[in-house]
Amino acid sequence: ALGMQGGEARMRYHLVLQFPASSIVDFNILIELEDSLHKILEPEHQVDGHDFGSGQMNIFVITEHPRAAFTLAKDTLGSADLQNFKAAYREAGGDDYEIIWPAGSSEPFEVL
């Protein structure tokens, strides 16, 4: 019988960490931050790359536990002095993001 592969049952959510961005300095910070997150989050959560443009930069994390991943990442983000970041997640294949940072935010969350 064909069963579900072990990896397919996990990692159901896409967590996005989003920051305002406008310069090459921001891009360099993004790359350093992504490297730090690899060390902190993996192997439990999978850092799945980044994008940069349209005034924002995003780091993507695939995870079964988006709030736990965010809690781990938040300490690193705070030490990088990134105060204006946002974080949200959605189910893999879903459209609607649930914002988890800033807490209580009702602003729309978009990946441009």
PDB file of N, CA and C in Angstrom:
ATOM      1  N   ALA A   1       0.850  -1.191   0.000  1.00  0.00           N
ATOM      2  CA  ALA A   1       0.000   0.000   0.000  1.00  0.00           C
ATOM      3  C   ALA A   1       0.884   1.239   0.000  1.00  0.00           C
ATOM      4  N   LEU A   2       0.399   2.256  -0.671  1.00  0.00           N
ATOM      5  CA  LEU A   2       1.143   3.512  -0.709  1.00  0.00           C
ATOM      6  C   LEU A   2       0.745   4.362   0.487  1.00  0.00           C
ATOM      7  N   GLY A   3       1.702   4.652   1.334  1.00  0.00           N
ATOM      8  CA  GLY A   3       1.433   5.513   2.478  1.00  0.00           C
ATOM      9  C   GLY A   3       2.004   6.894   2.226  1.00  0.00           C
ATOM     10  N   MET A   4       1.683   7.806   3.103  1.00  0.00           N
ATOM     11  CA  MET A   4       2.229   9.151   2.970  1.00  0.00           C
ATOM     12  C   MET A   4       3.706   9.117   3.348  1.00  0.00           C
ATOM     13  N   GLN A   5       4.523   9.743   2.556  1.00  0.00           N
ATOM     14  CA  GLN A   5       5.949   9.816   2.875  1.00  0.00           C
ATOM     15  C   GLN A   5       6.119  10.584   4.185  1.00  0.00           C
ATOM     16  N   GLY A   6       7.131  10.220   4.949  1.00  0.00           N
ATOM     17  CA  GLY A   6       7.330  10.829   6.255  1.00  0.00           C
ATOM     18  C   GLY A   6       7.407  12.340   6.226  1.00  0.00           C
ATOM     19  N   GLY A   7       8.114  12.902   5.246  1.00  0.00           N
ATOM     20  CA  GLY A   7       8.289  14.347   5.201  1.00  0.00           C
ATOM     21  C   GLY A   7       7.053  15.108   4.774  1.00  0.00           C
ATOM     22  N   GLU A   8       6.153  14.452   4.068  1.00  0.00           N
ATOM     23  CA  GLU A   8       4.993  15.169   3.541  1.00  0.00           C
ATOM     24  C   GLU A   8       3.988  15.531   4.618  1.00  0.00           C
ATOM     25  N   ALA A   9       3.961  14.760   5.681  1.00  0.00           N
ATOM     26  CA  ALA A   9       2.976  15.008   6.729  1.00  0.00           C
ATOM     27  C   ALA A   9       3.360  16.217   7.575  1.00  0.00           C
ATOM     28  N   ARG A  10       4.610  16.616   7.524  1.00  0.00           N
ATOM     29  CA  ARG A  10       5.090  17.711   8.358  1.00  0.00           C
ATOM     30  C   ARG A  10       5.208  18.993   7.538  1.00  0.00           C
ATOM     31  N   MET A  11       5.627  20.054   8.201  1.00  0.00           N
ATOM     32  CA  MET A  11       5.925  21.315   7.526  1.00  0.00           C
ATOM     33  C   MET A  11       4.713  21.854   6.754  1.00  0.00           C
ATOM     34  N   ARG A  12       3.612  22.018   7.449  1.00  0.00           N
ATOM     35  CA  ARG A  12       2.376  22.437   6.799  1.00  0.00           C
ATOM     36  C   ARG A  12       2.228  23.945   6.664  1.00  0.00           C
ATOM     37  N   TYR A  13       3.088  24.727   7.300  1.00  0.00           N
ATOM     38  CA  TYR A  13       2.899  26.177   7.315  1.00  0.00           C
ATOM     39  C   TYR A  13       4.082  26.906   6.702  1.00  0.00           C
ATOM     40  N   HIS A  14       3.776  28.050   6.116  1.00  0.00           N
ATOM     41  CA  HIS A  14       4.806  28.952   5.604  1.00  0.00           C
ATOM     42  C   HIS A  14       4.808  30.184   6.495  1.00  0.00           C
ATOM     43  N   LEU A  15       5.912  30.401   7.186  1.00  0.00           N
ATOM     44  CA  LEU A  15       6.114  31.580   8.022  1.00  0.00           C
ATOM     45  C   LEU A  15       6.930  32.576   7.213  1.00  0.00           C
ATOM     46  N   VAL A  16       6.492  33.840   7.211  1.00  0.00           N
ATOM     47  CA  VAL A  16       7.217  34.893   6.501  1.00  0.00           C
ATOM     48  C   VAL A  16       7.642  35.951   7.508  1.00  0.00           C
ATOM     49  N   LEU A  17       8.935  36.247   7.532  1.00  0.00           N
ATOM     50  CA  LEU A  17       9.492  37.346   8.324  1.00  0.00           C
ATOM     51  C   LEU A  17       9.769  38.472   7.341  1.00  0.00           C
ATOM     52  N   GLN A  18       9.148  39.624   7.561  1.00  0.00           N
ATOM     53  CA  GLN A  18       9.175  40.699   6.566  1.00  0.00           C
ATOM     54  C   GLN A  18       9.740  41.983   7.178  1.00  0.00           C
ATOM     55  N   PHE A  19      10.589  42.650   6.399  1.00  0.00           N
ATOM     56  CA  PHE A  19      11.268  43.862   6.856  1.00  0.00           C
ATOM     57  C   PHE A  19      11.209  44.915   5.767  1.00  0.00           C
ATOM     58  N   PRO A  20      11.152  46.205   6.157  1.00  0.00           N
ATOM     59  CA  PRO A  20      11.302  47.255   5.148  1.00  0.00           C
ATOM     60  C   PRO A  20      12.720  47.217   4.590  1.00  0.00           C
ATOM     61  N   ALA A  21      12.870  47.488   3.309  1.00  0.00           N
ATOM     62  CA  ALA A  21      14.194  47.398   2.683  1.00  0.00           C
ATOM     63  C   ALA A  21      14.307  48.389   1.547  1.00  0.00           C
ATOM     64  N   SER A  22      15.483  48.993   1.435  1.00  0.00           N
ATOM     65  CA  SER A  22      15.655  49.948   0.346  1.00  0.00           C
ATOM     66  C   SER A  22      17.072  50.018  -0.195  1.00  0.00           C
ATOM     67  N   SER A  23      18.027  49.364   0.452  1.00  0.00           N
ATOM     68  CA  SER A  23      19.414  49.575   0.043  1.00  0.00           C
ATOM     69  C   SER A  23      20.210  48.279   0.078  1.00  0.00           C
ATOM     70  N   ILE A  24      21.398  48.334  -0.468  1.00  0.00           N
ATOM     71  CA  ILE A  24      22.291  47.182  -0.443  1.00  0.00           C
ATOM     72  C   ILE A  24      22.699  46.850   0.992  1.00  0.00           C
ATOM     73  N   VAL A  25      22.745  47.844   1.860  1.00  0.00           N
ATOM     74  CA  VAL A  25      23.031  47.585   3.272  1.00  0.00           C
ATOM     75  C   VAL A  25      21.944  46.677   3.843  1.00  0.00           C
ATOM     76  N   ASP A  26      20.680  46.988   3.516  1.00  0.00           N
ATOM     77  CA  ASP A  26      19.579  46.140   3.964  1.00  0.00           C
ATOM     78  C   ASP A  26      19.746  44.720   3.438  1.00  0.00           C
ATOM     79  N   PHE A  27      20.142  44.598   2.172  1.00  0.00           N
ATOM     80  CA  PHE A  27      20.310  43.275   1.577  1.00  0.00           C
ATOM     81  C   PHE A  27      21.384  42.480   2.314  1.00  0.00           C
ATOM     82  N   ASN A  28      22.488  43.133   2.654  1.00  0.00           N
ATOM     83  CA  ASN A  28      23.560  42.453   3.382  1.00  0.00           C
ATOM     84  C   ASN A  28      23.089  41.990   4.762  1.00  0.00           C
ATOM     85  N   ILE A  29      22.276  42.816   5.420  1.00  0.00           N
ATOM     86  CA  ILE A  29      21.702  42.428   6.711  1.00  0.00           C
ATOM     87  C   ILE A  29      20.808  41.203   6.527  1.00  0.00           C
ATOM     88  N   LEU A  30      20.024  41.208   5.455  1.00  0.00           N
ATOM     89  CA  LEU A  30      19.136  40.077   5.164  1.00  0.00           C
ATOM     90  C   LEU A  30      19.917  38.773   5.054  1.00  0.00           C
ATOM     91  N   ILE A  31      21.025  38.801   4.326  1.00  0.00           N
ATOM     92  CA  ILE A  31      21.817  37.589   4.122  1.00  0.00           C
ATOM     93  C   ILE A  31      22.407  37.106   5.450  1.00  0.00           C
ATOM     94  N   GLU A  32      22.927  38.025   6.253  1.00  0.00           N
ATOM     95  CA  GLU A  32      23.468  37.648   7.565  1.00  0.00           C
ATOM     96  C   GLU A  32      22.380  37.070   8.461  1.00  0.00           C
ATOM     97  N   LEU A  33      21.214  37.701   8.424  1.00  0.00           N
ATOM     98  CA  LEU A  33      20.097  37.248   9.238  1.00  0.00           C
ATOM     99  C   LEU A  33      19.642  35.855   8.813  1.00  0.00           C
ATOM    100  N   GLU A  34      19.573  35.636   7.524  1.00  0.00           N
ATOM    101  CA  GLU A  34      19.171  34.320   7.020  1.00  0.00           C
ATOM    102  C   GLU A  34      20.155  33.242   7.488  1.00  0.00           C
ATOM    103  N   ASP A  35      21.452  33.545   7.439  1.00  0.00           N
ATOM    104  CA  ASP A  35      22.462  32.594   7.922  1.00  0.00           C
ATOM    105  C   ASP A  35      22.257  32.280   9.410  1.00  0.00           C
ATOM    106  N   SER A  36      21.988  33.310  10.203  1.00  0.00           N
ATOM    107  CA  SER A  36      21.752  33.107  11.638  1.00  0.00           C
ATOM    108  C   SER A  36      20.526  32.233  11.873  1.00  0.00           C
ATOM    109  N   LEU A  37      19.471  32.481  11.100  1.00  0.00           N
ATOM    110  CA  LEU A  37      18.240  31.715  11.277  1.00  0.00           C
ATOM    111  C   LEU A  37      18.429  30.247  10.903  1.00  0.00           C
ATOM    112  N   HIS A  38      19.257  29.985   9.895  1.00  0.00           N
ATOM    113  CA  HIS A  38      19.567  28.590   9.559  1.00  0.00           C
ATOM    114  C   HIS A  38      20.103  27.868  10.792  1.00  0.00           C
ATOM    115  N   LYS A  39      21.030  28.508  11.503  1.00  0.00           N
ATOM    116  CA  LYS A  39      21.670  27.882  12.662  1.00  0.00           C
ATOM    117  C   LYS A  39      20.680  27.670  13.807  1.00  0.00           C
ATOM    118  N   ILE A  40      19.778  28.623  14.000  1.00  0.00           N
ATOM    119  CA  ILE A  40      18.864  28.579  15.136  1.00  0.00           C
ATOM    120  C   ILE A  40      17.669  27.664  14.880  1.00  0.00           C
ATOM    121  N   LEU A  41      17.116  27.717  13.685  1.00  0.00           N
ATOM    122  CA  LEU A  41      15.839  27.054  13.421  1.00  0.00           C
ATOM    123  C   LEU A  41      15.961  25.619  12.924  1.00  0.00           C
ATOM    124  N   GLU A  42      17.021  25.322  12.204  1.00  0.00           N
ATOM    125  CA  GLU A  42      17.103  23.990  11.607  1.00  0.00           C
ATOM    126  C   GLU A  42      17.710  22.999  12.599  1.00  0.00           C
ATOM    127  N   PRO A  43      17.351  21.699  12.536  1.00  0.00           N
ATOM    128  CA  PRO A  43      16.556  21.055  11.485  1.00  0.00           C
ATOM    129  C   PRO A  43      15.047  21.056  11.731  1.00  0.00           C
ATOM    130  N   GLU A  44      14.599  21.534  12.903  1.00  0.00           N
ATOM    131  CA  GLU A  44      13.165  21.458  13.197  1.00  0.00           C
ATOM    132  C   GLU A  44      12.317  22.277  12.225  1.00  0.00           C
ATOM    133  N   HIS A  45      12.816  23.424  11.833  1.00  0.00           N
ATOM    134  CA  HIS A  45      12.118  24.299  10.889  1.00  0.00           C
ATOM    135  C   HIS A  45      13.055  24.496   9.700  1.00  0.00           C
ATOM    136  N   GLN A  46      12.494  24.682   8.521  1.00  0.00           N
ATOM    137  CA  GLN A  46      13.312  24.776   7.311  1.00  0.00           C
ATOM    138  C   GLN A  46      13.321  26.210   6.784  1.00  0.00           C
ATOM    139  N   VAL A  47      14.482  26.862   6.824  1.00  0.00           N
ATOM    140  CA  VAL A  47      14.625  28.189   6.222  1.00  0.00           C
ATOM    141  C   VAL A  47      14.670  27.985   4.711  1.00  0.00           C
ATOM    142  N   ASP A  48      13.719  28.609   4.015  1.00  0.00           N
ATOM    143  CA  ASP A  48      13.470  28.275   2.610  1.00  0.00           C
ATOM    144  C   ASP A  48      13.812  29.434   1.673  1.00  0.00           C
ATOM    145  N   GLY A  49      14.757  30.293   2.077  1.00  0.00           N
ATOM    146  CA  GLY A  49      15.203  31.342   1.168  1.00  0.00           C
ATOM    147  C   GLY A  49      14.616  32.703   1.484  1.00  0.00           C
ATOM    148  N   HIS A  50      14.832  33.639   0.553  1.00  0.00           N
ATOM    149  CA  HIS A  50      14.435  35.028   0.774  1.00  0.00           C
ATOM    150  C   HIS A  50      14.065  35.670  -0.558  1.00  0.00           C
ATOM    151  N   ASP A  51      13.432  36.828  -0.463  1.00  0.00           N
ATOM    152  CA  ASP A  51      13.335  37.699  -1.633  1.00  0.00           C
ATOM    153  C   ASP A  51      13.521  39.136  -1.181  1.00  0.00           C
ATOM    154  N   PHE A  52      13.829  39.991  -2.140  1.00  0.00           N
ATOM    155  CA  PHE A  52      14.205  41.372  -1.850  1.00  0.00           C
ATOM    156  C   PHE A  52      13.703  42.230  -2.998  1.00  0.00           C
ATOM    157  N   GLY A  53      12.893  43.232  -2.695  1.00  0.00           N
ATOM    158  CA  GLY A  53      12.409  44.135  -3.732  1.00  0.00           C
ATOM    159  C   GLY A  53      11.079  44.742  -3.337  1.00  0.00           C
ATOM    160  N   SER A  54      10.624  45.715  -4.114  1.00  0.00           N
ATOM    161  CA  SER A  54       9.362  46.413  -3.853  1.00  0.00           C
ATOM    162  C   SER A  54       9.322  47.008  -2.449  1.00  0.00           C
ATOM    163  N   GLY A  55      10.494  47.435  -1.948  1.00  0.00           N
ATOM    164  CA  GLY A  55      10.544  48.088  -0.644  1.00  0.00           C
ATOM    165  C   GLY A  55      10.470  47.146   0.542  1.00  0.00           C
ATOM    166  N   GLN A  56      10.562  45.851   0.285  1.00  0.00           N
ATOM    167  CA  GLN A  56      10.529  44.912   1.402  1.00  0.00           C
ATOM    168  C   GLN A  56      11.481  43.754   1.148  1.00  0.00           C
ATOM    169  N   MET A  57      11.863  43.116   2.234  1.00  0.00           N
ATOM    170  CA  MET A  57      12.622  41.878   2.122  1.00  0.00           C
ATOM    171  C   MET A  57      11.949  40.848   3.017  1.00  0.00           C
ATOM    172  N   ASN A  58      11.942  39.609   2.548  1.00  0.00           N
ATOM    173  CA  ASN A  58      11.242  38.535   3.235  1.00  0.00           C
ATOM    174  C   ASN A  58      12.168  37.343   3.401  1.00  0.00           C
ATOM    175  N   ILE A  59      12.046  36.689   4.539  1.00  0.00           N
ATOM    176  CA  ILE A  59      12.687  35.395   4.746  1.00  0.00           C
ATOM    177  C   ILE A  59      11.560  34.391   4.954  1.00  0.00           C
ATOM    178  N   PHE A  60      11.659  33.266   4.255  1.00  0.00           N
ATOM    179  CA  PHE A  60      10.607  32.258   4.283  1.00  0.00           C
ATOM    180  C   PHE A  60      11.055  31.057   5.104  1.00  0.00           C
ATOM    181  N   VAL A  61      10.155  30.588   5.965  1.00  0.00           N
ATOM    182  CA  VAL A  61      10.430  29.425   6.801  1.00  0.00           C
ATOM    183  C   VAL A  61       9.266  28.448   6.637  1.00  0.00           C
ATOM    184  N   ILE A  62       9.589  27.192   6.353  1.00  0.00           N
ATOM    185  CA  ILE A  62       8.566  26.154   6.278  1.00  0.00           C
ATOM    186  C   ILE A  62       8.619  25.392   7.593  1.00  0.00           C
ATOM    187  N   THR A  63       7.454  25.245   8.224  1.00  0.00           N
ATOM    188  CA  THR A  63       7.442  24.700   9.580  1.00  0.00           C
ATOM    189  C   THR A  63       6.105  24.054   9.902  1.00  0.00           C
ATOM    190  N   GLU A  64       6.141  23.153  10.835  1.00  0.00           N
ATOM    191  CA  GLU A  64       4.908  22.589  11.378  1.00  0.00           C
ATOM    192  C   GLU A  64       4.400  23.458  12.532  1.00  0.00           C
ATOM    193  N   HIS A  65       5.290  24.265  13.112  1.00  0.00           N
ATOM    194  CA  HIS A  65       4.953  25.051  14.306  1.00  0.00           C
ATOM    195  C   HIS A  65       5.381  26.510  14.106  1.00  0.00           C
ATOM    196  N   PRO A  66       4.577  27.303  13.384  1.00  0.00           N
ATOM    197  CA  PRO A  66       5.010  28.666  13.040  1.00  0.00           C
ATOM    198  C   PRO A  66       5.235  29.576  14.244  1.00  0.00           C
ATOM    199  N   ARG A  67       4.422  29.439  15.276  1.00  0.00           N
ATOM    200  CA  ARG A  67       4.612  30.315  16.440  1.00  0.00           C
ATOM    201  C   ARG A  67       5.889  29.962  17.196  1.00  0.00           C
ATOM    202  N   ALA A  68       6.188  28.679  17.286  1.00  0.00           N
ATOM    203  CA  ALA A  68       7.434  28.257  17.940  1.00  0.00           C
ATOM    204  C   ALA A  68       8.641  28.737  17.141  1.00  0.00           C
ATOM    205  N   ALA A  69       8.560  28.623  15.816  1.00  0.00           N
ATOM    206  CA  ALA A  69       9.660  29.093  14.964  1.00  0.00           C
ATOM    207  C   ALA A  69       9.837  30.598  15.129  1.00  0.00           C
ATOM    208  N   PHE A  70       8.730  31.334  15.170  1.00  0.00           N
ATOM    209  CA  PHE A  70       8.820  32.782  15.332  1.00  0.00           C
ATOM    210  C   PHE A  70       9.444  33.148  16.675  1.00  0.00           C
ATOM    211  N   THR A  71       9.050  32.447  17.727  1.00  0.00           N
ATOM    212  CA  THR A  71       9.605  32.731  19.054  1.00  0.00           C
ATOM    213  C   THR A  71      11.121  32.571  19.051  1.00  0.00           C
ATOM    214  N   LEU A  72      11.606  31.510  18.412  1.00  0.00           N
ATOM    215  CA  LEU A  72      13.057  31.313  18.308  1.00  0.00           C
ATOM    216  C   LEU A  72      13.701  32.421  17.476  1.00  0.00           C
ATOM    217  N   ALA A  73      13.072  32.770  16.365  1.00  0.00           N
ATOM    218  CA  ALA A  73      13.643  33.761  15.454  1.00  0.00           C
ATOM    219  C   ALA A  73      13.632  35.162  16.053  1.00  0.00           C
ATOM    220  N   LYS A  74      12.635  35.452  16.869  1.00  0.00           N
ATOM    221  CA  LYS A  74      12.436  36.812  17.374  1.00  0.00           C
ATOM    222  C   LYS A  74      13.644  37.317  18.157  1.00  0.00           C
ATOM    223  N   ASP A  75      14.277  36.453  18.931  1.00  0.00           N
ATOM    224  CA  ASP A  75      15.462  36.873  19.688  1.00  0.00           C
ATOM    225  C   ASP A  75      16.577  37.320  18.749  1.00  0.00           C
ATOM    226  N   THR A  76      16.761  36.591  17.669  1.00  0.00           N
ATOM    227  CA  THR A  76      17.781  36.952  16.683  1.00  0.00           C
ATOM    228  C   THR A  76      17.423  38.264  16.003  1.00  0.00           C
ATOM    229  N   LEU A  77      16.151  38.436  15.678  1.00  0.00           N
ATOM    230  CA  LEU A  77      15.717  39.663  15.008  1.00  0.00           C
ATOM    231  C   LEU A  77      15.916  40.864  15.914  1.00  0.00           C
ATOM    232  N   GLY A  78      15.612  40.709  17.194  1.00  0.00           N
ATOM    233  CA  GLY A  78      15.778  41.801  18.141  1.00  0.00           C
ATOM    234  C   GLY A  78      17.226  42.220  18.275  1.00  0.00           C
ATOM    235  N   SER A  79      18.130  41.249  18.273  1.00  0.00           N
ATOM    236  CA  SER A  79      19.545  41.577  18.421  1.00  0.00           C
ATOM    237  C   SER A  79      20.094  42.237  17.159  1.00  0.00           C
ATOM    238  N   ALA A  80      19.415  42.047  16.030  1.00  0.00           N
ATOM    239  CA  ALA A  80      19.841  42.696  14.786  1.00  0.00           C
ATOM    240  C   ALA A  80      19.258  44.103  14.670  1.00  0.00           C
ATOM    241  N   ASP A  81      18.552  44.548  15.720  1.00  0.00           N
ATOM    242  CA  ASP A  81      17.978  45.886  15.757  1.00  0.00           C
ATOM    243  C   ASP A  81      16.996  46.106  14.609  1.00  0.00           C
ATOM    244  N   LEU A  82      16.182  45.116  14.350  1.00  0.00           N
ATOM    245  CA  LEU A  82      15.158  45.220  13.306  1.00  0.00           C
ATOM    246  C   LEU A  82      13.810  45.406  13.987  1.00  0.00           C
ATOM    247  N   GLN A  83      13.486  46.643  14.260  1.00  0.00           N
ATOM    248  CA  GLN A  83      12.286  46.923  15.051  1.00  0.00           C
ATOM    249  C   GLN A  83      11.006  46.889  14.221  1.00  0.00           C
ATOM    250  N   ASN A  84      11.112  47.187  12.951  1.00  0.00           N
ATOM    251  CA  ASN A  84       9.904  47.362  12.146  1.00  0.00           C
ATOM    252  C   ASN A  84       9.532  46.130  11.341  1.00  0.00           C
ATOM    253  N   PHE A  85       9.866  44.963  11.856  1.00  0.00           N
ATOM    254  CA  PHE A  85       9.550  43.779  11.076  1.00  0.00           C
ATOM    255  C   PHE A  85       8.138  43.295  11.365  1.00  0.00           C
ATOM    256  N   LYS A  86       7.622  42.488  10.451  1.00  0.00           N
ATOM    257  CA  LYS A  86       6.328  41.833  10.606  1.00  0.00           C
ATOM    258  C   LYS A  86       6.545  40.337  10.439  1.00  0.00           C
ATOM    259  N   ALA A  87       5.649  39.570  11.003  1.00  0.00           N
ATOM    260  CA  ALA A  87       5.687  38.121  10.810  1.00  0.00           C
ATOM    261  C   ALA A  87       4.265  37.620  10.663  1.00  0.00           C
ATOM    262  N   ALA A  88       4.086  36.695   9.731  1.00  0.00           N
ATOM    263  CA  ALA A  88       2.775  36.094   9.511  1.00  0.00           C
ATOM    264  C   ALA A  88       2.989  34.706   8.932  1.00  0.00           C
ATOM    265  N   TYR A  89       1.961  33.889   9.044  1.00  0.00           N
ATOM    266  CA  TYR A  89       2.062  32.553   8.453  1.00  0.00           C
ATOM    267  C   TYR A  89       0.742  32.183   7.796  1.00  0.00           C
ATOM    268  N   ARG A  90       0.828  31.192   6.925  1.00  0.00           N
ATOM    269  CA  ARG A  90      -0.356  30.635   6.283  1.00  0.00           C
ATOM    270  C   ARG A  90      -0.121  29.150   6.066  1.00  0.00           C
ATOM    271  N   GLU A  91      -1.212  28.440   5.855  1.00  0.00           N
ATOM    272  CA  GLU A  91      -1.061  27.031   5.518  1.00  0.00           C
ATOM    273  C   GLU A  91      -0.427  26.925   4.150  1.00  0.00           C
ATOM    274  N   ALA A  92       0.382  25.886   3.944  1.00  0.00           N
ATOM    275  CA  ALA A  92       0.965  25.638   2.628  1.00  0.00           C
ATOM    276  C   ALA A  92      -0.180  25.528   1.631  1.00  0.00           C
ATOM    277  N   GLY A  93      -0.095  26.288   0.560  1.00  0.00           N
ATOM    278  CA  GLY A  93      -1.152  26.278  -0.435  1.00  0.00           C
ATOM    279  C   GLY A  93      -2.295  27.225  -0.125  1.00  0.00           C
ATOM    280  N   GLY A  94      -2.273  27.849   1.060  1.00  0.00           N
ATOM    281  CA  GLY A  94      -3.337  28.776   1.431  1.00  0.00           C
ATOM    282  C   GLY A  94      -3.022  30.191   0.969  1.00  0.00           C
ATOM    283  N   ASP A  95      -4.006  31.063   1.064  1.00  0.00           N
ATOM    284  CA  ASP A  95      -3.843  32.449   0.630  1.00  0.00           C
ATOM    285  C   ASP A  95      -3.785  33.440   1.786  1.00  0.00           C
ATOM    286  N   ASP A  96      -4.494  33.160   2.857  1.00  0.00           N
ATOM    287  CA  ASP A  96      -4.669  34.145   3.920  1.00  0.00           C
ATOM    288  C   ASP A  96      -3.616  33.980   5.004  1.00  0.00           C
ATOM    289  N   TYR A  97      -2.911  35.083   5.258  1.00  0.00           N
ATOM    290  CA  TYR A  97      -1.888  35.079   6.303  1.00  0.00           C
ATOM    291  C   TYR A  97      -2.505  35.435   7.647  1.00  0.00           C
ATOM    292  N   GLU A  98      -2.039  34.776   8.687  1.00  0.00           N
ATOM    293  CA  GLU A  98      -2.378  35.148  10.054  1.00  0.00           C
ATOM    294  C   GLU A  98      -1.176  35.872  10.639  1.00  0.00           C
ATOM    295  N   ILE A  99      -1.377  37.125  11.024  1.00  0.00           N
ATOM    296  CA  ILE A  99      -0.274  37.944  11.535  1.00  0.00           C
ATOM    297  C   ILE A  99       0.020  37.554  12.982  1.00  0.00           C
ATOM    298  N   ILE A 100       1.298  37.307  13.268  1.00  0.00           N
ATOM    299  CA  ILE A 100       1.683  37.031  14.655  1.00  0.00           C
ATOM    300  C   ILE A 100       2.578  38.124  15.231  1.00  0.00           C
ATOM    301  N   TRP A 101       3.093  39.019  14.375  1.00  0.00           N
ATOM    302  CA  TRP A 101       3.875  40.163  14.863  1.00  0.00           C
ATOM    303  C   TRP A 101       3.746  41.310  13.885  1.00  0.00           C
ATOM    304  N   PRO A 102       3.492  42.531  14.333  1.00  0.00           N
ATOM    305  CA  PRO A 102       3.266  42.921  15.729  1.00  0.00           C
ATOM    306  C   PRO A 102       1.964  42.317  16.265  1.00  0.00           C
ATOM    307  N   ALA A 103       2.003  41.948  17.530  1.00  0.00           N
ATOM    308  CA  ALA A 103       0.839  41.324  18.159  1.00  0.00           C
ATOM    309  C   ALA A 103      -0.367  42.256  18.056  1.00  0.00           C
ATOM    310  N   GLY A 104      -1.501  41.715  17.682  1.00  0.00           N
ATOM    311  CA  GLY A 104      -2.731  42.497  17.598  1.00  0.00           C
ATOM    312  C   GLY A 104      -2.852  43.379  16.375  1.00  0.00           C
ATOM    313  N   SER A 105      -1.917  43.278  15.437  1.00  0.00           N
ATOM    314  CA  SER A 105      -1.958  44.124  14.243  1.00  0.00           C
ATOM    315  C   SER A 105      -3.145  43.757  13.362  1.00  0.00           C
ATOM    316  N   SER A 106      -3.798  44.780  12.823  1.00  0.00           N
ATOM    317  CA  SER A 106      -4.889  44.531  11.875  1.00  0.00           C
ATOM    318  C   SER A 106      -4.511  45.006  10.474  1.00  0.00           C
ATOM    319  N   GLU A 107      -3.258  45.434  10.295  1.00  0.00           N
ATOM    320  CA  GLU A 107      -2.798  45.837   8.963  1.00  0.00           C
ATOM    321  C   GLU A 107      -2.787  44.631   8.037  1.00  0.00           C
ATOM    322  N   PRO A 108      -3.066  44.842   6.760  1.00  0.00           N
ATOM    323  CA  PRO A 108      -2.963  43.713   5.836  1.00  0.00           C
ATOM    324  C   PRO A 108      -1.514  43.259   5.699  1.00  0.00           C
ATOM    325  N   PHE A 109      -1.325  41.987   5.479  1.00  0.00           N
ATOM    326  CA  PHE A 109       0.020  41.428   5.293  1.00  0.00           C
ATOM    327  C   PHE A 109       0.112  40.929   3.866  1.00  0.00           C
ATOM    328  N   GLU A 110       1.078  41.449   3.123  1.00  0.00           N
ATOM    329  CA  GLU A 110       1.246  41.052   1.734  1.00  0.00           C
ATOM    330  C   GLU A 110       2.709  40.788   1.449  1.00  0.00           C
ATOM    331  N   VAL A 111       2.960  39.763   0.673  1.00  0.00           N
ATOM    332  CA  VAL A 111       4.288  39.529   0.125  1.00  0.00           C
ATOM    333  C   VAL A 111       4.242  40.052  -1.296  1.00  0.00           C
ATOM    334  N   LEU A 112       4.969  41.150  -1.552  1.00  0.00           N
ATOM    335  CA  LEU A 112       4.913  41.804  -2.867  1.00  0.00           C
ATOM    336  C   LEU A 112       5.847  41.139  -3.855  1.00  0.00           C
TER     337      LEU A 112
END
